[in-house]
C-alpha atoms as a PDB file:
ATOM      1  CA  MET A   1      -0.150   0.239  -0.152  1.00  0.00           C
ATOM      2  CA  ALA A   2       1.463   3.723  -0.728  1.00  0.00           C
ATOM      3  CA  ILE A   3       0.900   6.733   1.051  1.00  0.00           C
ATOM      4  CA  LEU A   4       0.892  10.047  -1.018  1.00  0.00           C
ATOM      5  CA  LYS A   5       0.633  13.301   0.253  1.00  0.00           C
ATOM      6  CA  VAL A   6      -0.544  16.690  -1.800  1.00  0.00           C
ATOM      7  CA  VAL A   7       0.431  19.898  -1.020  1.00  0.00           C
ATOM      8  CA  GLU A   8      -0.657  22.601  -2.912  1.00  0.00           C
ATOM      9  CA  ILE A   9       1.321  25.701  -4.324  1.00  0.00           C
ATOM     10  CA  LEU A  10       0.961  28.622  -5.685  1.00  0.00           C
ATOM     11  CA  ALA A  11       3.203  30.072  -8.456  1.00  0.00           C
ATOM     12  CA  ASN A  12       3.612  32.540 -11.177  1.00  0.00           C
ATOM     13  CA  SER A  13       5.352  33.043 -14.564  1.00  0.00           C
ATOM     14  CA  ASP A  14       5.637  36.051 -17.042  1.00  0.00           C
ATOM     15  CA  LYS A  15       5.283  33.819 -20.192  1.00  0.00           C
ATOM     16  CA  SER A  16       2.357  31.173 -19.811  1.00  0.00           C
ATOM     17  CA  TRP A  17       0.196  29.126 -17.669  1.00  0.00           C
ATOM     18  CA  GLU A  18       2.114  26.153 -18.731  1.00  0.00           C
ATOM     19  CA  ASP A  19       5.857  27.768 -17.312  1.00  0.00           C
ATOM     20  CA  ALA A  20       3.777  29.076 -14.392  1.00  0.00           C
ATOM     21  CA  THR A  21       3.119  24.660 -13.554  1.00  0.00           C
ATOM     22  CA  LYS A  22       6.812  23.755 -14.615  1.00  0.00           C
ATOM     23  CA  LYS A  23       8.020  26.357 -11.841  1.00  0.00           C
ATOM     24  CA  ALA A  24       6.001  25.380  -9.177  1.00  0.00           C
ATOM     25  CA  VAL A  25       7.220  21.512 -10.035  1.00  0.00           C
ATOM     26  CA  LYS A  26      10.725  22.396 -10.161  1.00  0.00           C
ATOM     27  CA  GLU A  27      10.759  24.027  -6.866  1.00  0.00           C
ATOM     28  CA  ALA A  28       8.724  22.061  -5.469  1.00  0.00           C
ATOM     29  CA  SER A  29      11.295  18.966  -6.180  1.00  0.00           C
ATOM     30  CA  LYS A  30      14.300  21.238  -4.212  1.00  0.00           C
ATOM     31  CA  THR A  31      12.683  19.635  -0.774  1.00  0.00           C
ATOM     32  CA  VAL A  32      10.011  16.950  -1.884  1.00  0.00           C
ATOM     33  CA  LYS A  33      11.037  13.673  -3.711  1.00  0.00           C
ATOM     34  CA  ASN A  34       8.916  11.073  -5.327  1.00  0.00           C
ATOM     35  CA  ILE A  35       6.558  13.263  -7.207  1.00  0.00           C
ATOM     36  CA  SER A  36       3.973  11.233  -9.181  1.00  0.00           C
ATOM     37  CA  SER A  37       1.542  14.221 -10.735  1.00  0.00           C
ATOM     38  CA  VAL A  38       0.681  17.950 -10.278  1.00  0.00           C
ATOM     39  CA  TYR A  39      -3.334  19.008 -10.737  1.00  0.00           C
ATOM     40  CA  VAL A  40      -4.051  22.826 -12.299  1.00  0.00           C
ATOM     41  CA  GLN A  41      -6.314  23.700 -10.176  1.00  0.00           C
ATOM     42  CA  GLU A  42      -6.957  27.640 -10.982  1.00  0.00           C
ATOM     43  CA  GLN A  43      -5.671  29.550 -13.590  1.00  0.00           C
ATOM     44  CA  SER A  44      -5.239  33.015 -13.329  1.00  0.00           C
ATOM     45  CA  ALA A  45      -3.557  36.112 -14.588  1.00  0.00           C
ATOM     46  CA  VAL A  46      -2.886  39.918 -13.879  1.00  0.00           C
ATOM     47  CA  VAL A  47      -4.023  42.513 -16.725  1.00  0.00           C
ATOM     48  CA  ASN A  48      -2.254  45.528 -17.027  1.00  0.00           C
ATOM     49  CA  ASN A  49      -2.825  48.290 -20.079  1.00  0.00           C
ATOM     50  CA  GLY A  50      -4.854  45.659 -21.728  1.00  0.00           C
ATOM     51  CA  GLU A  51      -2.294  43.260 -21.463  1.00  0.00           C
ATOM     52  CA  VAL A  52      -1.309  39.757 -19.692  1.00  0.00           C
ATOM     53  CA  THR A  53       1.622  40.850 -17.465  1.00  0.00           C
ATOM     54  CA  GLU A  54       1.957  37.720 -15.483  1.00  0.00           C
ATOM     55  CA  PHE A  55       0.411  33.888 -15.488  1.00  0.00           C
ATOM     56  CA  ARG A  56      -0.531  32.519 -11.925  1.00  0.00           C
ATOM     57  CA  VAL A  57      -1.284  28.968 -11.125  1.00  0.00           C
ATOM     58  CA  ASN A  58      -2.425  27.270  -8.342  1.00  0.00           C
ATOM     59  CA  VAL A  59      -1.431  23.579  -8.564  1.00  0.00           C
ATOM     60  CA  LYS A  60      -1.156  20.529  -5.988  1.00  0.00           C
ATOM     61  CA  ILE A  61       1.329  17.710  -6.016  1.00  0.00           C
ATOM     62  CA  THR A  62       1.108  14.799  -4.814  1.00  0.00           C
ATOM     63  CA  PHE A  63       4.249  12.144  -4.038  1.00  0.00           C
ATOM     64  CA  ALA A  64       4.359   9.295  -2.037  1.00  0.00           C
ATOM     65  CA  VAL A  65       5.869   9.318   1.694  1.00  0.00           C
ATOM     66  CA  TYR A  66       5.690   5.355   1.479  1.00  0.00           C
ATOM     67  CA  LYS A  67       5.385   3.012  -1.184  1.00  0.00           C
END
């Protein structure tokens, strides 16, 4: 039986939601081992002068704490 844990992370990027998601996983992987999936729960963006200037994601990262 595996025991999994889920952490929620907020990340941002000036390029895209995909880039923000990749940044979230990369940052989490510095301290969390055995990451098995990422679920994008929410996306949002900041708009300045009619242009999107920042993409934001709220993700849930799942990892095994016991296999």
